[in-house]
Amino acid sequence: MFKIEELCLINDKHTYSYHFTNGINYFQGKNNTGKTVFFNFLDFMFGADKNYANDPWFKGSLSKAILTFEYNNISYELTRSIDGKCNYFRYCDEELGDSIDIVEYKLRINAIFSVSNDYDATLYEFTHEHLTYRSFTIFNFLDEVNQGKLNDFLTKCSSIKYAVHLTPILNYIFNNNIDRIIELTASLNTLQAELRSLEKEKSSSEHLLSRINRNLKILNITEDFVGNNKSRICELLEQTKSSNTVDNKKTKEEQSISELRSILNSIEEQIKVYNNMKADASKIDVEMKNRTQLLQTLHQMIAENDNYSYLINPVTTLIEQLSKSISFQRLTIEDKTITELTKQKLKIISRIEDNTSRFEQYSLTDKEKALVFVESDLQEYKSSNNDDINTIKKRISDIRKKIRVLQNQDDTKKIKNVSQYITSLYSQGKHVSSFINDDLSQDEFEITYIKKGNALVPSIIEKIAEKSKRVNYVIGSLARQTLIQLCGYLGLLKLILSERKVPIIPLLVIDHISKPFDKENIKTLGVVLTKFIEDVSPENIQIFMFDDKEPSDLNFNPSNIEYLQKDDKTGFNPFFQGKTTK
């Protein structure tokens, strides 16, 4: 059960309360009585980020507001200062605590409407987004500005901060593979943890191997440790221990290092030359393509008119000669040469490092430390298996592909049921609306819900050359479009509330929906809303409607009627005195 029971507006001296009931709460007021302000203020009380301190409706006349509501037999009280900075949350049977920030305020409200921790975890694992009740308020508010939209028809999605969440939400609602996706996601998380562990071991092994070889050079051991020659390295270490001489003399090998560096410079220059030639060749390739296109054009001109041949033939001959010379030049540039030079460069660098270390003067203490480090690192070293890492990476990639495929598979039966319910709601007004009668007189009229684009598409069967084909049915009337849009809201809300898988407030707030309707067709609004309330139950959904018409004009009896303009107040804010354009 859900019911907003009271909204209490407070200033420094006075308090004014609006009381609400189950079902439809209707707020009637003329222009400039604060209908849209009230509409937005309900969202504000449920956590919308807004500062009303300088709003003409509230500045100097309202300090804070308290919203009391009941959900699942528990009563809650939400309090917000008019600037949105001071917030309070409490159970109605407990004392008021300290002020909380807006983040904590939203977290506590989200805890109320969350179905369970398991469902929250499932929603996150499916969407990889932290979707809260605030994201699902796209289904709670139908504003006046965006009425009549059939494509991307949820009006809050005109704001990018809500629009970005719509696709993952719809994917979740209309997916029939959630259990399988969660199972695969769990396997994916396990593999990712295993991969991180193996990569950490690999990184540690590579670090130890590098440190071992660095210390081996300090000990004048020229043989490198490669992971599988531990016994040989240990043997060399024993020989080093038994040796009492420390050879720190520099020999003519120092000259060898100079020669090696000279060779390295020469190789680097050659690589540079080859790379420049390769870059030039890439540019020439582009020019070649242009010349080829030019040749084709010139040959076509000759084919069409041979009189141009005396002008064109010299040009084509020159281009063909250039192409041959360029082709010959490209043959001189071999990638294999660059690859071989790069290998030689790496070998020379390694030899320089070896010789530099071998003829570096190290103290006995340095060598003793190096010996201790090598022995310790050899004991700690564990070889890593790249094959295992590559296998896990492939399994992770395969699982991600499977998850993407499953996430994109819609439950077509569920979408069809939503479409049928939307069409059924729309058809309820056939006894009071001429345009609905006109639509239903068409051959097999129906409204199809399209998940991609979140669209509502009316269609009919059209016979062309004795063949039947379903085609889109163009709805030109804004009243028709607005009624279809309302049915779309109601269809999605019915599905979401019946499944109870997402954190959503069982609420629909509608602002001035009667505007595009004439006196006759406006009665369809009451018929459709009454039918929806019967289907869902007044205890499971609460509707707030703000309009300037009398409820009887809409052909229904709301459970609660509030007139925004009375003898004691001019609009929504009873403490406001004056005029505003809002």
Foldseek 3Di string as FASTA:
>chain_A
DKDFAWKWWDDPPDIDIDGDDFAEEEAAEDAQFCQVVVQVVVVVQLQDQAACCPPQQPPPFTFKMKIWMDDPRWIKIWIATNGRAWIWIDTPVDDTDHTDGSVVSNVVLQVRQALDPVLQVLLCLQLVDNDTQNLVCLLAEDEDVQFLDFFLLSVVCVDVVNVVCQQSVLLVLFFPCSVVLVVLSVVLVVLVVVLVVLVVLQVVQVVLQVLLQLLCLLLLNLDGDDAPPLVVVVVVLVVSVPDPDDDQDDDPCVVVLVVLVVVLVVLVVVLVVLVVLVVVLVVVVVVLVVLVVVLVVLVVVCVVPVVCCVVRVVVNVVSVVVVVVSVVSVVVRDPVVSVVSVVVSVVSVVVSVSVCSNNHDDDPVSSVVSSVSNVVSSVVRDHRDVVVSVVSVVVSVVSVVVSVVSSPDGNVVLQVVLFVQLFVLLLLCCVQDPVSVVQVVAAPWTWGQDSVSRGTFIWHWDADPNDTDIDTDDDDQSLSSSSSSVSSSLSVLQSCLVVSSGRHRQHHEYEASQVRPDQRSLLSQQSSSVVSCVVRPSVRHYYYYYHNDDVVSNPHDTPHYHHQPDPQASHDSSSDDDGDSD
